[in-house]
C-alpha atoms as a PDB file:
ATOM      1  CA  MET A   1      67.280  21.660  13.620  1.00  0.00           C
ATOM      2  CA  LYS A   2      67.650  17.870  13.393  1.00  0.00           C
ATOM      3  CA  LEU A   3      65.337  17.513  16.381  1.00  0.00           C
ATOM      4  CA  ILE A   4      62.606  19.542  14.640  1.00  0.00           C
ATOM      5  CA  LEU A   5      62.901  17.444  11.502  1.00  0.00           C
ATOM      6  CA  LEU A   6      62.593  14.293  13.582  1.00  0.00           C
ATOM      7  CA  LEU A   7      59.598  15.540  15.539  1.00  0.00           C
ATOM      8  CA  LEU A   8      57.706  16.962  12.555  1.00  0.00           C
ATOM      9  CA  PRO A   9      56.575  13.578  11.139  1.00  0.00           C
ATOM     10  CA  PHE A  10      55.660  12.423  14.648  1.00  0.00           C
ATOM     11  CA  SER A  11      53.513  15.515  15.286  1.00  0.00           C
ATOM     12  CA  LEU A  12      51.789  15.107  11.905  1.00  0.00           C
ATOM     13  CA  PHE A  13      51.059  11.467  12.788  1.00  0.00           C
ATOM     14  CA  ILE A  14      49.527  12.483  16.139  1.00  0.00           C
ATOM     15  CA  GLN A  15      47.443  15.204  14.501  1.00  0.00           C
ATOM     16  CA  CYS A  16      46.102  12.775  11.869  1.00  0.00           C
ATOM     17  CA  GLN A  17      45.253  10.207  14.548  1.00  0.00           C
ATOM     18  CA  SER A  18      43.410  12.854  16.546  1.00  0.00           C
ATOM     19  CA  GLU A  19      41.362  13.955  13.523  1.00  0.00           C
ATOM     20  CA  ALA A  20      40.554  10.342  12.649  1.00  0.00           C
ATOM     21  CA  LYS A  21      39.367   9.718  16.210  1.00  0.00           C
ATOM     22  CA  GLU A  22      37.150  12.826  16.126  1.00  0.00           C
ATOM     23  CA  SER A  23      35.755  11.708  12.798  1.00  0.00           C
ATOM     24  CA  GLU A  24      34.978   8.252  14.218  1.00  0.00           C
ATOM     25  CA  GLU A  25      33.293   9.823  17.233  1.00  0.00           C
ATOM     26  CA  ASN A  26      31.113  11.982  14.987  1.00  0.00           C
ATOM     27  CA  VAL A  27      30.057   8.965  12.960  1.00  0.00           C
ATOM     28  CA  TYR A  28      29.253   7.082  16.155  1.00  0.00           C
ATOM     29  CA  VAL A  29      27.207   9.950  17.568  1.00  0.00           C
ATOM     30  CA  THR A  30      25.302  10.332  14.310  1.00  0.00           C
ATOM     31  CA  THR A  31      24.633   6.613  14.151  1.00  0.00           C
ATOM     32  CA  VAL A  32      23.443   6.451  17.755  1.00  0.00           C
ATOM     33  CA  ASN A  33      21.140   9.436  17.324  1.00  0.00           C
ATOM     34  CA  GLU A  34      19.590   8.186  14.071  1.00  0.00           C
ATOM     35  CA  GLU A  35      16.123   6.768  14.417  1.00  0.00           C
ATOM     36  CA  ILE A  36      16.080   3.113  13.434  1.00  0.00           C
ATOM     37  CA  PRO A  37      12.834   2.000  11.816  1.00  0.00           C
ATOM     38  CA  PRO A  38      11.177  -0.923  13.558  1.00  0.00           C
ATOM     39  CA  GLN A  39      11.668  -4.269  11.856  1.00  0.00           C
ATOM     40  CA  THR A  40       8.477  -5.799  10.616  1.00  0.00           C
ATOM     41  CA  GLU A  41       7.810  -9.454  10.019  1.00  0.00           C
ATOM     42  CA  ASP A  42       6.170 -10.606   6.841  1.00  0.00           C
ATOM     43  CA  HIS A  43       2.475 -11.190   7.401  1.00  0.00           C
ATOM     44  CA  TYR A  44       0.638 -13.590   5.113  1.00  0.00           C
ATOM     45  CA  THR A  45      -3.125 -13.833   4.778  1.00  0.00           C
ATOM     46  CA  VAL A  46      -5.386 -16.060   2.708  1.00  0.00           C
ATOM     47  CA  GLU A  47      -8.487 -15.049   0.762  1.00  0.00           C
ATOM     48  CA  THR A  48     -10.857 -17.178  -1.290  1.00  0.00           C
ATOM     49  CA  PHE A  49     -12.844 -15.813  -4.217  1.00  0.00           C
ATOM     50  CA  GLN A  50     -15.492 -17.011  -6.614  1.00  0.00           C
ATOM     51  CA  ASN A  51     -14.571 -17.190 -10.298  1.00  0.00           C
ATOM     52  CA  GLU A  52     -16.951 -16.249 -13.116  1.00  0.00           C
ATOM     53  CA  GLY A  53     -17.685 -19.939 -13.714  1.00  0.00           C
ATOM     54  CA  LEU A  54     -18.983 -20.193 -10.115  1.00  0.00           C
ATOM     55  CA  ASP A  55     -16.025 -22.274  -8.995  1.00  0.00           C
ATOM     56  CA  TRP A  56     -13.509 -21.072  -6.395  1.00  0.00           C
ATOM     57  CA  GLY A  57      -9.902 -19.910  -6.230  1.00  0.00           C
ATOM     58  CA  TYR A  58      -7.622 -18.380  -3.627  1.00  0.00           C
ATOM     59  CA  LYS A  59      -5.106 -15.612  -3.073  1.00  0.00           C
ATOM     60  CA  ILE A  60      -2.213 -15.429  -0.665  1.00  0.00           C
ATOM     61  CA  LEU A  61      -1.376 -11.882   0.343  1.00  0.00           C
ATOM     62  CA  LEU A  62       1.957 -10.705   1.719  1.00  0.00           C
ATOM     63  CA  ASN A  63       1.544  -7.655   3.961  1.00  0.00           C
ATOM     64  CA  GLY A  64      -1.789  -6.965   2.248  1.00  0.00           C
ATOM     65  CA  GLN A  65      -0.338  -7.143  -1.286  1.00  0.00           C
ATOM     66  CA  PRO A  66      -1.030  -9.983  -3.774  1.00  0.00           C
ATOM     67  CA  PHE A  67       1.661 -12.652  -3.550  1.00  0.00           C
ATOM     68  CA  ILE A  68      -0.069 -15.632  -5.193  1.00  0.00           C
ATOM     69  CA  ASN A  69      -3.270 -15.582  -7.227  1.00  0.00           C
ATOM     70  CA  GLN A  70      -4.566 -19.110  -7.842  1.00  0.00           C
ATOM     71  CA  PRO A  71      -7.919 -19.076  -9.665  1.00  0.00           C
ATOM     72  CA  HIS A  72      -7.581 -22.743 -10.737  1.00  0.00           C
ATOM     73  CA  ILE A  73      -6.806 -26.015  -8.998  1.00  0.00           C
ATOM     74  CA  PRO A  74      -3.011 -26.406  -9.045  1.00  0.00           C
ATOM     75  CA  ALA A  75      -1.489 -29.597 -10.570  1.00  0.00           C
ATOM     76  CA  VAL A  76      -4.696 -30.343 -12.478  1.00  0.00           C
ATOM     77  CA  GLN A  77      -4.958 -29.914 -16.233  1.00  0.00           C
ATOM     78  CA  GLY A  78      -7.346 -27.290 -17.476  1.00  0.00           C
ATOM     79  CA  ASN A  79      -8.723 -24.130 -15.954  1.00  0.00           C
ATOM     80  CA  LYS A  80     -11.095 -25.615 -13.432  1.00  0.00           C
ATOM     81  CA  GLY A  81     -11.460 -24.001 -10.002  1.00  0.00           C
ATOM     82  CA  PHE A  82     -12.386 -25.658  -6.727  1.00  0.00           C
ATOM     83  CA  SER A  83     -15.962 -26.892  -6.378  1.00  0.00           C
ATOM     84  CA  THR A  84     -16.421 -25.244  -2.963  1.00  0.00           C
ATOM     85  CA  GLN A  85     -15.034 -22.323  -1.033  1.00  0.00           C
ATOM     86  CA  GLU A  86     -13.979 -24.722   1.741  1.00  0.00           C
ATOM     87  CA  LYS A  87     -11.765 -26.733  -0.640  1.00  0.00           C
ATOM     88  CA  ALA A  88     -10.115 -23.557  -1.896  1.00  0.00           C
ATOM     89  CA  GLN A  89      -9.527 -22.475   1.722  1.00  0.00           C
ATOM     90  CA  ILE A  90      -7.973 -25.828   2.694  1.00  0.00           C
ATOM     91  CA  THR A  91      -5.596 -25.722  -0.281  1.00  0.00           C
ATOM     92  CA  ALA A  92      -4.676 -22.087   0.354  1.00  0.00           C
ATOM     93  CA  GLU A  93      -3.810 -22.852   3.967  1.00  0.00           C
ATOM     94  CA  PHE A  94      -1.708 -25.833   2.835  1.00  0.00           C
ATOM     95  CA  ALA A  95       0.157 -23.593   0.364  1.00  0.00           C
ATOM     96  CA  LEU A  96       0.679 -21.039   3.129  1.00  0.00           C
ATOM     97  CA  SER A  97       2.155 -23.707   5.403  1.00  0.00           C
ATOM     98  CA  LYS A  98       4.717 -24.471   2.680  1.00  0.00           C
ATOM     99  CA  ILE A  99       5.586 -20.776   2.356  1.00  0.00           C
ATOM    100  CA  GLU A 100       6.092 -20.511   6.115  1.00  0.00           C
ATOM    101  CA  LYS A 101       8.544 -23.440   5.865  1.00  0.00           C
ATOM    102  CA  GLY A 102      10.490 -21.527   3.188  1.00  0.00           C
ATOM    103  CA  ILE A 103       9.177 -23.493   0.199  1.00  0.00           C
ATOM    104  CA  ILE A 104       8.710 -20.860  -2.502  1.00  0.00           C
ATOM    105  CA  PRO A 105       6.957 -21.323  -4.822  1.00  0.00           C
ATOM    106  CA  PRO A 106       4.686 -23.595  -2.797  1.00  0.00           C
ATOM    107  CA  THR A 107       4.234 -26.246  -5.482  1.00  0.00           C
ATOM    108  CA  ILE A 108       1.312 -28.568  -4.754  1.00  0.00           C
ATOM    109  CA  THR A 109       1.121 -32.039  -6.271  1.00  0.00           C
ATOM    110  CA  GLN A 110      -1.931 -34.053  -7.208  1.00  0.00           C
ATOM    111  CA  GLN A 111      -1.087 -36.534  -4.442  1.00  0.00           C
ATOM    112  CA  GLU A 112      -1.145 -33.705  -1.898  1.00  0.00           C
ATOM    113  CA  LEU A 113      -4.505 -32.529  -3.232  1.00  0.00           C
ATOM    114  CA  ASP A 114      -5.798 -36.104  -2.885  1.00  0.00           C
ATOM    115  CA  SER A 115      -4.595 -36.315   0.717  1.00  0.00           C
ATOM    116  CA  LEU A 116      -6.268 -32.969   1.444  1.00  0.00           C
ATOM    117  CA  LYS A 117      -9.500 -34.420  -0.052  1.00  0.00           C
ATOM    118  CA  VAL A 118     -10.088 -31.369  -2.235  1.00  0.00           C
ATOM    119  CA  LEU A 119     -10.339 -33.085  -5.630  1.00  0.00           C
END
């Protein structure tokens, strides 16, 4: 009788360990068989557009969705856009280079605009 009482906790322990192992195996099998979606990298694109006042602005899109809409020259007082599409494009590409370096928001100073020759 004493032997049965001593072995009972041991057999319960073994049974619990066995069930836990089966449970772990089921989780592993389920995880292995699940379809993992492919990881996608963020894809940025730049677009220029003409404002109503015939000046230019730019957009930076993230995976085709608007990320930044910049109808006016950044760091300049007022609501004036770029005088040409080329200047808007140059500034947009500069802003994008900051984003790709992890600088968000990609603040642009007047000195940077001067060095880009877009003012």
